[in-house]
């Protein structure tokens, strides 16, 4: 699931262009903070060795290596408990 780094809104775009913005908060989407290569602990905060350094990680850029970060949706403890209960007592 693709989400905006700033507000967490789900993004339903297949490909993200430099001009695309979040429908909810209006922030740029093609930014380092939304990229799967973003790693704060690495040099230039990027694990892609060929990428050019980007100063503003929260602003749209022209990086050729951009890949939108996919995140897993976390279930609440209550939802997990209900699922476990249903699986335990499911009818055959």
PDB file of N, CA and C in Angstrom:
ATOM      1  N   UNK A   1       0.847  -1.166   0.000  1.00  0.00           N
ATOM      2  CA  UNK A   1       0.000   0.000   0.000  1.00  0.00           C
ATOM      3  C   UNK A   1       0.902   1.242   0.000  1.00  0.00           C
ATOM      4  N   UNK A   2       0.628   2.157  -0.884  1.00  0.00           N
ATOM      5  CA  UNK A   2       1.375   3.406  -0.968  1.00  0.00           C
ATOM      6  C   UNK A   2       0.673   4.459  -0.119  1.00  0.00           C
ATOM      7  N   UNK A   3       1.454   5.169   0.707  1.00  0.00           N
ATOM      8  CA  UNK A   3       0.869   6.212   1.544  1.00  0.00           C
ATOM      9  C   UNK A   3       1.722   7.475   1.506  1.00  0.00           C
ATOM     10  N   UNK A   4       1.093   8.601   1.711  1.00  0.00           N
ATOM     11  CA  UNK A   4       1.785   9.886   1.788  1.00  0.00           C
ATOM     12  C   UNK A   4       2.624   9.913   3.062  1.00  0.00           C
ATOM     13  N   UNK A   5       3.886  10.335   2.955  1.00  0.00           N
ATOM     14  CA  UNK A   5       4.766  10.378   4.126  1.00  0.00           C
ATOM     15  C   UNK A   5       4.293  11.391   5.157  1.00  0.00           C
ATOM     16  N   UNK A   6       3.575  12.413   4.720  1.00  0.00           N
ATOM     17  CA  UNK A   6       3.198  13.505   5.620  1.00  0.00           C
ATOM     18  C   UNK A   6       1.899  13.234   6.378  1.00  0.00           C
ATOM     19  N   UNK A   7       0.857  12.794   5.659  1.00  0.00           N
ATOM     20  CA  UNK A   7      -0.444  12.631   6.326  1.00  0.00           C
ATOM     21  C   UNK A   7      -0.927  11.185   6.385  1.00  0.00           C
ATOM     22  N   UNK A   8      -0.263  10.279   5.670  1.00  0.00           N
ATOM     23  CA  UNK A   8      -0.628   8.871   5.728  1.00  0.00           C
ATOM     24  C   UNK A   8      -1.775   8.459   4.820  1.00  0.00           C
ATOM     25  N   UNK A   9      -2.240   9.357   3.972  1.00  0.00           N
ATOM     26  CA  UNK A   9      -3.326   9.047   3.047  1.00  0.00           C
ATOM     27  C   UNK A   9      -2.883   7.993   2.038  1.00  0.00           C
ATOM     28  N   UNK A  10      -3.752   7.048   1.737  1.00  0.00           N
ATOM     29  CA  UNK A  10      -3.451   6.017   0.744  1.00  0.00           C
ATOM     30  C   UNK A  10      -3.408   6.643  -0.647  1.00  0.00           C
ATOM     31  N   UNK A  11      -2.385   6.288  -1.408  1.00  0.00           N
ATOM     32  CA  UNK A  11      -2.182   6.813  -2.753  1.00  0.00           C
ATOM     33  C   UNK A  11      -2.543   5.718  -3.754  1.00  0.00           C
ATOM     34  N   UNK A  12      -3.467   6.015  -4.667  1.00  0.00           N
ATOM     35  CA  UNK A  12      -3.932   5.022  -5.635  1.00  0.00           C
ATOM     36  C   UNK A  12      -3.392   5.285  -7.042  1.00  0.00           C
ATOM     37  N   UNK A  13      -2.160   5.723  -7.152  1.00  0.00           N
ATOM     38  CA  UNK A  13      -1.554   5.964  -8.461  1.00  0.00           C
ATOM     39  C   UNK A  13      -0.602   4.825  -8.800  1.00  0.00           C
ATOM     40  N   UNK A  14      -0.652   4.361 -10.041  1.00  0.00           N
ATOM     41  CA  UNK A  14       0.266   3.309 -10.474  1.00  0.00           C
ATOM     42  C   UNK A  14       1.678   3.883 -10.618  1.00  0.00           C
ATOM     43  N   UNK A  15       1.774   5.016 -11.311  1.00  0.00           N
ATOM     44  CA  UNK A  15       3.053   5.681 -11.515  1.00  0.00           C
ATOM     45  C   UNK A  15       2.940   7.100 -10.963  1.00  0.00           C
ATOM     46  N   UNK A  16       3.965   7.547 -10.264  1.00  0.00           N
ATOM     47  CA  UNK A  16       3.941   8.875  -9.655  1.00  0.00           C
ATOM     48  C   UNK A  16       4.866   9.802 -10.430  1.00  0.00           C
ATOM     49  N   UNK A  17       4.321  10.899 -10.938  1.00  0.00           N
ATOM     50  CA  UNK A  17       5.136  11.862 -11.673  1.00  0.00           C
ATOM     51  C   UNK A  17       5.614  12.969 -10.730  1.00  0.00           C
ATOM     52  N   UNK A  18       6.513  13.791 -11.211  1.00  0.00           N
ATOM     53  CA  UNK A  18       7.079  14.866 -10.394  1.00  0.00           C
ATOM     54  C   UNK A  18       6.021  15.872  -9.957  1.00  0.00           C
ATOM     55  N   UNK A  19       4.958  16.015 -10.714  1.00  0.00           N
ATOM     56  CA  UNK A  19       3.923  17.011 -10.410  1.00  0.00           C
ATOM     57  C   UNK A  19       2.797  16.486  -9.529  1.00  0.00           C
ATOM     58  N   UNK A  20       2.764  15.194  -9.263  1.00  0.00           N
ATOM     59  CA  UNK A  20       1.673  14.630  -8.465  1.00  0.00           C
ATOM     60  C   UNK A  20       1.753  15.086  -7.012  1.00  0.00           C
ATOM     61  N   UNK A  21       0.578  15.378  -6.459  1.00  0.00           N
ATOM     62  CA  UNK A  21       0.473  15.821  -5.075  1.00  0.00           C
ATOM     63  C   UNK A  21      -0.545  14.963  -4.338  1.00  0.00           C
ATOM     64  N   UNK A  22      -0.425  14.922  -3.028  1.00  0.00           N
ATOM     65  CA  UNK A  22      -1.379  14.207  -2.183  1.00  0.00           C
ATOM     66  C   UNK A  22      -2.720  14.932  -2.256  1.00  0.00           C
ATOM     67  N   UNK A  23      -3.793  14.180  -2.471  1.00  0.00           N
ATOM     68  CA  UNK A  23      -5.122  14.775  -2.574  1.00  0.00           C
ATOM     69  C   UNK A  23      -5.572  15.389  -1.256  1.00  0.00           C
ATOM     70  N   UNK A  24      -5.070  14.882  -0.151  1.00  0.00           N
ATOM     71  CA  UNK A  24      -5.510  15.359   1.165  1.00  0.00           C
ATOM     72  C   UNK A  24      -4.715  16.578   1.648  1.00  0.00           C
ATOM     73  N   UNK A  25      -3.378  16.483   1.634  1.00  0.00           N
ATOM     74  CA  UNK A  25      -2.573  17.567   2.222  1.00  0.00           C
ATOM     75  C   UNK A  25      -1.836  18.422   1.189  1.00  0.00           C
ATOM     76  N   UNK A  26      -1.825  18.005  -0.076  1.00  0.00           N
ATOM     77  CA  UNK A  26      -1.210  18.811  -1.130  1.00  0.00           C
ATOM     78  C   UNK A  26       0.300  18.738  -1.207  1.00  0.00           C
ATOM     79  N   UNK A  27       0.929  17.856  -0.444  1.00  0.00           N
ATOM     80  CA  UNK A  27       2.386  17.746  -0.475  1.00  0.00           C
ATOM     81  C   UNK A  27       2.831  16.946  -1.706  1.00  0.00           C
ATOM     82  N   UNK A  28       4.047  17.206  -2.179  1.00  0.00           N
ATOM     83  CA  UNK A  28       4.596  16.473  -3.312  1.00  0.00           C
ATOM     84  C   UNK A  28       4.690  14.992  -2.976  1.00  0.00           C
ATOM     85  N   UNK A  29       4.468  14.128  -3.972  1.00  0.00           N
ATOM     86  CA  UNK A  29       4.536  12.689  -3.737  1.00  0.00           C
ATOM     87  C   UNK A  29       5.862  12.071  -4.185  1.00  0.00           C
ATOM     88  N   UNK A  30       6.457  12.609  -5.260  1.00  0.00           N
ATOM     89  CA  UNK A  30       7.714  12.043  -5.763  1.00  0.00           C
ATOM     90  C   UNK A  30       8.875  12.691  -4.998  1.00  0.00           C
ATOM     91  N   UNK A  31       9.028  12.255  -3.761  1.00  0.00           N
ATOM     92  CA  UNK A  31      10.045  12.806  -2.864  1.00  0.00           C
ATOM     93  C   UNK A  31      10.828  11.663  -2.223  1.00  0.00           C
ATOM     94  N   UNK A  32      12.001  11.965  -1.737  1.00  0.00           N
ATOM     95  CA  UNK A  32      12.846  10.953  -1.098  1.00  0.00           C
ATOM     96  C   UNK A  32      12.133  10.259   0.056  1.00  0.00           C
ATOM     97  N   UNK A  33      11.371  10.997   0.836  1.00  0.00           N
ATOM     98  CA  UNK A  33      10.703  10.429   2.005  1.00  0.00           C
ATOM     99  C   UNK A  33       9.643   9.387   1.634  1.00  0.00           C
ATOM    100  N   UNK A  34       9.201   9.360   0.376  1.00  0.00           N
ATOM    101  CA  UNK A  34       8.243   8.352  -0.101  1.00  0.00           C
ATOM    102  C   UNK A  34       8.940   7.249  -0.891  1.00  0.00           C
ATOM    103  N   UNK A  35      10.245   7.288  -1.005  1.00  0.00           N
ATOM    104  CA  UNK A  35      10.988   6.353  -1.849  1.00  0.00           C
ATOM    105  C   UNK A  35      11.447   5.118  -1.067  1.00  0.00           C
ATOM    106  N   UNK A  36      11.410   3.974  -1.716  1.00  0.00           N
ATOM    107  CA  UNK A  36      11.852   2.734  -1.065  1.00  0.00           C
ATOM    108  C   UNK A  36      13.363   2.713  -0.841  1.00  0.00           C
ATOM    109  N   UNK A  37      14.115   3.562  -1.526  1.00  0.00           N
ATOM    110  CA  UNK A  37      15.564   3.632  -1.347  1.00  0.00           C
ATOM    111  C   UNK A  37      15.983   4.586  -0.220  1.00  0.00           C
ATOM    112  N   UNK A  38      15.034   5.336   0.340  1.00  0.00           N
ATOM    113  CA  UNK A  38      15.347   6.297   1.404  1.00  0.00           C
ATOM    114  C   UNK A  38      15.772   5.554   2.672  1.00  0.00           C
ATOM    115  N   UNK A  39      16.932   5.942   3.188  1.00  0.00           N
ATOM    116  CA  UNK A  39      17.445   5.369   4.435  1.00  0.00           C
ATOM    117  C   UNK A  39      18.236   6.457   5.145  1.00  0.00           C
ATOM    118  N   UNK A  40      17.691   6.970   6.200  1.00  0.00           N
ATOM    119  CA  UNK A  40      18.289   8.094   6.923  1.00  0.00           C
ATOM    120  C   UNK A  40      19.714   7.808   7.385  1.00  0.00           C
ATOM    121  N   UNK A  41      20.031   6.547   7.646  1.00  0.00           N
ATOM    122  CA  UNK A  41      21.345   6.194   8.178  1.00  0.00           C
ATOM    123  C   UNK A  41      22.440   6.081   7.116  1.00  0.00           C
ATOM    124  N   UNK A  42      22.079   6.135   5.845  1.00  0.00           N
ATOM    125  CA  UNK A  42      23.051   5.981   4.755  1.00  0.00           C
ATOM    126  C   UNK A  42      23.539   7.341   4.266  1.00  0.00           C
ATOM    127  N   UNK A  43      24.646   7.296   3.503  1.00  0.00           N
ATOM    128  CA  UNK A  43      25.181   8.518   2.891  1.00  0.00           C
ATOM    129  C   UNK A  43      24.113   9.112   1.977  1.00  0.00           C
ATOM    130  N   UNK A  44      23.910  10.391   2.066  1.00  0.00           N
ATOM    131  CA  UNK A  44      22.886  11.110   1.301  1.00  0.00           C
ATOM    132  C   UNK A  44      21.476  10.573   1.558  1.00  0.00           C
ATOM    133  N   UNK A  45      21.305   9.796   2.615  1.00  0.00           N
ATOM    134  CA  UNK A  45      20.015   9.212   3.020  1.00  0.00           C
ATOM    135  C   UNK A  45      19.412   8.350   1.918  1.00  0.00           C
ATOM    136  N   UNK A  46      20.278   7.647   1.159  1.00  0.00           N
ATOM    137  CA  UNK A  46      19.801   6.826   0.053  1.00  0.00           C
ATOM    138  C   UNK A  46      20.652   5.568  -0.073  1.00  0.00           C
ATOM    139  N   UNK A  47      19.999   4.424  -0.248  1.00  0.00           N
ATOM    140  CA  UNK A  47      20.755   3.182  -0.402  1.00  0.00           C
ATOM    141  C   UNK A  47      21.073   2.881  -1.866  1.00  0.00           C
ATOM    142  N   UNK A  48      20.577   3.698  -2.799  1.00  0.00           N
ATOM    143  CA  UNK A  48      20.904   3.538  -4.215  1.00  0.00           C
ATOM    144  C   UNK A  48      22.233   4.252  -4.474  1.00  0.00           C
ATOM    145  N   UNK A  49      23.307   3.510  -4.760  1.00  0.00           N
ATOM    146  CA  UNK A  49      24.638   4.119  -4.895  1.00  0.00           C
ATOM    147  C   UNK A  49      24.805   5.045  -6.101  1.00  0.00           C
ATOM    148  N   UNK A  50      23.970   4.902  -7.123  1.00  0.00           N
ATOM    149  CA  UNK A  50      24.120   5.715  -8.327  1.00  0.00           C
ATOM    150  C   UNK A  50      23.282   6.993  -8.306  1.00  0.00           C
ATOM    151  N   UNK A  51      22.418   7.127  -7.330  1.00  0.00           N
ATOM    152  CA  UNK A  51      21.531   8.293  -7.263  1.00  0.00           C
ATOM    153  C   UNK A  51      22.306   9.555  -6.916  1.00  0.00           C
ATOM    154  N   UNK A  52      21.928  10.649  -7.549  1.00  0.00           N
ATOM    155  CA  UNK A  52      22.512  11.953  -7.255  1.00  0.00           C
ATOM    156  C   UNK A  52      22.008  12.424  -5.892  1.00  0.00           C
ATOM    157  N   UNK A  53      22.849  13.101  -5.123  1.00  0.00           N
ATOM    158  CA  UNK A  53      22.403  13.610  -3.817  1.00  0.00           C
ATOM    159  C   UNK A  53      21.259  14.621  -3.964  1.00  0.00           C
ATOM    160  N   UNK A  54      20.282  14.525  -3.085  1.00  0.00           N
ATOM    161  CA  UNK A  54      19.143  15.442  -3.075  1.00  0.00           C
ATOM    162  C   UNK A  54      19.149  16.142  -1.729  1.00  0.00           C
ATOM    163  N   UNK A  55      19.146  17.479  -1.743  1.00  0.00           N
ATOM    164  CA  UNK A  55      19.211  18.239  -0.492  1.00  0.00           C
ATOM    165  C   UNK A  55      17.877  18.253   0.245  1.00  0.00           C
ATOM    166  N   UNK A  56      16.800  18.539  -0.468  1.00  0.00           N
ATOM    167  CA  UNK A  56      15.489  18.653   0.164  1.00  0.00           C
ATOM    168  C   UNK A  56      14.726  17.345  -0.029  1.00  0.00           C
ATOM    169  N   UNK A  57      14.719  16.515   0.994  1.00  0.00           N
ATOM    170  CA  UNK A  57      14.127  15.177   0.924  1.00  0.00           C
ATOM    171  C   UNK A  57      12.598  15.190   0.867  1.00  0.00           C
ATOM    172  N   UNK A  58      11.984  16.320   1.211  1.00  0.00           N
ATOM    173  CA  UNK A  58      10.528  16.419   1.219  1.00  0.00           C
ATOM    174  C   UNK A  58       9.960  17.212   0.044  1.00  0.00           C
ATOM    175  N   UNK A  59      10.795  17.498  -0.957  1.00  0.00           N
ATOM    176  CA  UNK A  59      10.371  18.251  -2.142  1.00  0.00           C
ATOM    177  C   UNK A  59      10.510  17.381  -3.375  1.00  0.00           C
ATOM    178  N   UNK A  60       9.668  17.613  -4.373  1.00  0.00           N
ATOM    179  CA  UNK A  60       9.699  16.841  -5.612  1.00  0.00           C
ATOM    180  C   UNK A  60      11.074  16.961  -6.266  1.00  0.00           C
ATOM    181  N   UNK A  61      11.538  15.854  -6.869  1.00  0.00           N
ATOM    182  CA  UNK A  61      12.841  15.853  -7.535  1.00  0.00           C
ATOM    183  C   UNK A  61      12.789  15.006  -8.797  1.00  0.00           C
ATOM    184  N   UNK A  62      13.898  14.974  -9.520  1.00  0.00           N
ATOM    185  CA  UNK A  62      13.969  14.260 -10.797  1.00  0.00           C
ATOM    186  C   UNK A  62      14.750  12.955 -10.707  1.00  0.00           C
ATOM    187  N   UNK A  63      14.877  12.364  -9.560  1.00  0.00           N
ATOM    188  CA  UNK A  63      15.660  11.147  -9.391  1.00  0.00           C
ATOM    189  C   UNK A  63      15.119  10.030 -10.292  1.00  0.00           C
ATOM    190  N   UNK A  64      16.001   9.432 -11.082  1.00  0.00           N
ATOM    191  CA  UNK A  64      15.614   8.351 -11.989  1.00  0.00           C
ATOM    192  C   UNK A  64      15.374   7.035 -11.267  1.00  0.00           C
ATOM    193  N   UNK A  65      15.816   6.925 -10.028  1.00  0.00           N
ATOM    194  CA  UNK A  65      15.729   5.675  -9.282  1.00  0.00           C
ATOM    195  C   UNK A  65      14.519   5.604  -8.351  1.00  0.00           C
ATOM    196  N   UNK A  66      13.673   6.632  -8.365  1.00  0.00           N
ATOM    197  CA  UNK A  66      12.533   6.696  -7.450  1.00  0.00           C
ATOM    198  C   UNK A  66      11.618   5.489  -7.616  1.00  0.00           C
ATOM    199  N   UNK A  67      11.310   4.838  -6.500  1.00  0.00           N
ATOM    200  CA  UNK A  67      10.335   3.741  -6.429  1.00  0.00           C
ATOM    201  C   UNK A  67       9.483   4.007  -5.195  1.00  0.00           C
ATOM    202  N   UNK A  68       8.168   4.151  -5.395  1.00  0.00           N
ATOM    203  CA  UNK A  68       7.293   4.477  -4.278  1.00  0.00           C
ATOM    204  C   UNK A  68       7.341   3.363  -3.238  1.00  0.00           C
ATOM    205  N   UNK A  69       7.550   3.740  -2.003  1.00  0.00           N
ATOM    206  CA  UNK A  69       7.646   2.788  -0.893  1.00  0.00           C
ATOM    207  C   UNK A  69       6.291   2.141  -0.639  1.00  0.00           C
ATOM    208  N   UNK A  70       6.287   0.824  -0.578  1.00  0.00           N
ATOM    209  CA  UNK A  70       5.077   0.064  -0.268  1.00  0.00           C
ATOM    210  C   UNK A  70       5.119  -0.287   1.215  1.00  0.00           C
ATOM    211  N   UNK A  71       4.071   0.030   1.932  1.00  0.00           N
ATOM    212  CA  UNK A  71       4.002  -0.294   3.352  1.00  0.00           C
ATOM    213  C   UNK A  71       2.885  -1.286   3.595  1.00  0.00           C
ATOM    214  N   UNK A  72       3.054  -2.089   4.604  1.00  0.00           N
ATOM    215  CA  UNK A  72       2.024  -3.047   4.985  1.00  0.00           C
ATOM    216  C   UNK A  72       1.066  -2.370   5.949  1.00  0.00           C
ATOM    217  N   UNK A  73      -0.217  -2.614   5.738  1.00  0.00           N
ATOM    218  CA  UNK A  73      -1.222  -2.054   6.634  1.00  0.00           C
ATOM    219  C   UNK A  73      -1.208  -2.850   7.934  1.00  0.00           C
ATOM    220  N   UNK A  74      -1.065  -2.146   9.029  1.00  0.00           N
ATOM    221  CA  UNK A  74      -1.036  -2.797  10.333  1.00  0.00           C
ATOM    222  C   UNK A  74      -2.448  -2.947  10.872  1.00  0.00           C
ATOM    223  N   UNK A  75      -2.738  -4.114  11.407  1.00  0.00           N
ATOM    224  CA  UNK A  75      -4.035  -4.344  12.026  1.00  0.00           C
ATOM    225  C   UNK A  75      -3.967  -3.920  13.485  1.00  0.00           C
ATOM    226  N   UNK A  76      -5.082  -3.447  13.979  1.00  0.00           N
ATOM    227  CA  UNK A  76      -5.129  -3.098  15.394  1.00  0.00           C
ATOM    228  C   UNK A  76      -5.150  -4.385  16.214  1.00  0.00           C
ATOM    229  N   UNK A  77      -4.810  -4.299  17.458  1.00  0.00           N
ATOM    230  CA  UNK A  77      -4.829  -5.455  18.341  1.00  0.00           C
ATOM    231  C   UNK A  77      -6.207  -6.086  18.395  1.00  0.00           C
ATOM    232  N   UNK A  78      -7.243  -5.252  18.362  1.00  0.00           N
ATOM    233  CA  UNK A  78      -8.614  -5.747  18.406  1.00  0.00           C
ATOM    234  C   UNK A  78      -8.939  -6.544  17.139  1.00  0.00           C
ATOM    235  N   UNK A  79      -8.514  -6.029  15.971  1.00  0.00           N
ATOM    236  CA  UNK A  79      -8.768  -6.725  14.708  1.00  0.00           C
ATOM    237  C   UNK A  79      -8.020  -8.052  14.656  1.00  0.00           C
ATOM    238  N   UNK A  80      -6.784  -8.071  15.153  1.00  0.00           N
ATOM    239  CA  UNK A  80      -6.002  -9.313  15.185  1.00  0.00           C
ATOM    240  C   UNK A  80      -6.656 -10.342  16.101  1.00  0.00           C
ATOM    241  N   UNK A  81      -7.144  -9.905  17.243  1.00  0.00           N
ATOM    242  CA  UNK A  81      -7.793 -10.809  18.190  1.00  0.00           C
ATOM    243  C   UNK A  81      -9.069 -11.393  17.585  1.00  0.00           C
ATOM    244  N   UNK A  82      -9.852 -10.561  16.903  1.00  0.00           N
ATOM    245  CA  UNK A  82     -11.084 -11.043  16.275  1.00  0.00           C
ATOM    246  C   UNK A  82     -10.759 -12.058  15.189  1.00  0.00           C
ATOM    247  N   UNK A  83      -9.732 -11.780  14.376  1.00  0.00           N
ATOM    248  CA  UNK A  83      -9.345 -12.707  13.319  1.00  0.00           C
ATOM    249  C   UNK A  83      -8.887 -14.043  13.908  1.00  0.00           C
ATOM    250  N   UNK A  84      -8.096 -14.002  14.961  1.00  0.00           N
ATOM    251  CA  UNK A  84      -7.627 -15.227  15.610  1.00  0.00           C
ATOM    252  C   UNK A  84      -8.810 -16.013  16.176  1.00  0.00           C
ATOM    253  N   UNK A  85      -9.760 -15.318  16.794  1.00  0.00           N
ATOM    254  CA  UNK A  85     -10.945 -15.967  17.359  1.00  0.00           C
ATOM    255  C   UNK A  85     -11.766 -16.635  16.254  1.00  0.00           C
ATOM    256  N   UNK A  86     -11.991 -15.892  15.156  1.00  0.00           N
ATOM    257  CA  UNK A  86     -12.769 -16.435  14.044  1.00  0.00           C
ATOM    258  C   UNK A  86     -12.095 -17.659  13.424  1.00  0.00           C
ATOM    259  N   UNK A  87     -10.766 -17.614  13.293  1.00  0.00           N
ATOM    260  CA  UNK A  87     -10.042 -18.736  12.728  1.00  0.00           C
ATOM    261  C   UNK A  87     -10.091 -19.944  13.659  1.00  0.00           C
ATOM    262  N   UNK A  88     -10.059 -19.705  14.949  1.00  0.00           N
ATOM    263  CA  UNK A  88     -10.096 -20.782  15.936  1.00  0.00           C
ATOM    264  C   UNK A  88     -11.424 -21.540  15.898  1.00  0.00           C
ATOM    265  N   UNK A  89     -12.518 -20.782  15.745  1.00  0.00           N
ATOM    266  CA  UNK A  89     -13.848 -21.380  15.780  1.00  0.00           C
ATOM    267  C   UNK A  89     -14.561 -21.363  14.432  1.00  0.00           C
ATOM    268  N   UNK A  90     -13.825 -21.357  13.350  1.00  0.00           N
ATOM    269  CA  UNK A  90     -14.479 -21.334  12.035  1.00  0.00           C
ATOM    270  C   UNK A  90     -15.195 -22.660  11.768  1.00  0.00           C
ATOM    271  N   UNK A  91     -16.264 -22.535  11.011  1.00  0.00           N
ATOM    272  CA  UNK A  91     -17.068 -23.719  10.678  1.00  0.00           C
ATOM    273  C   UNK A  91     -16.485 -24.396   9.450  1.00  0.00           C
ATOM    274  N   UNK A  92     -16.498 -25.696   9.450  1.00  0.00           N
ATOM    275  CA  UNK A  92     -15.951 -26.472   8.327  1.00  0.00           C
ATOM    276  C   UNK A  92     -17.032 -26.828   7.364  1.00  0.00           C
TER     277      UNK A  92
END
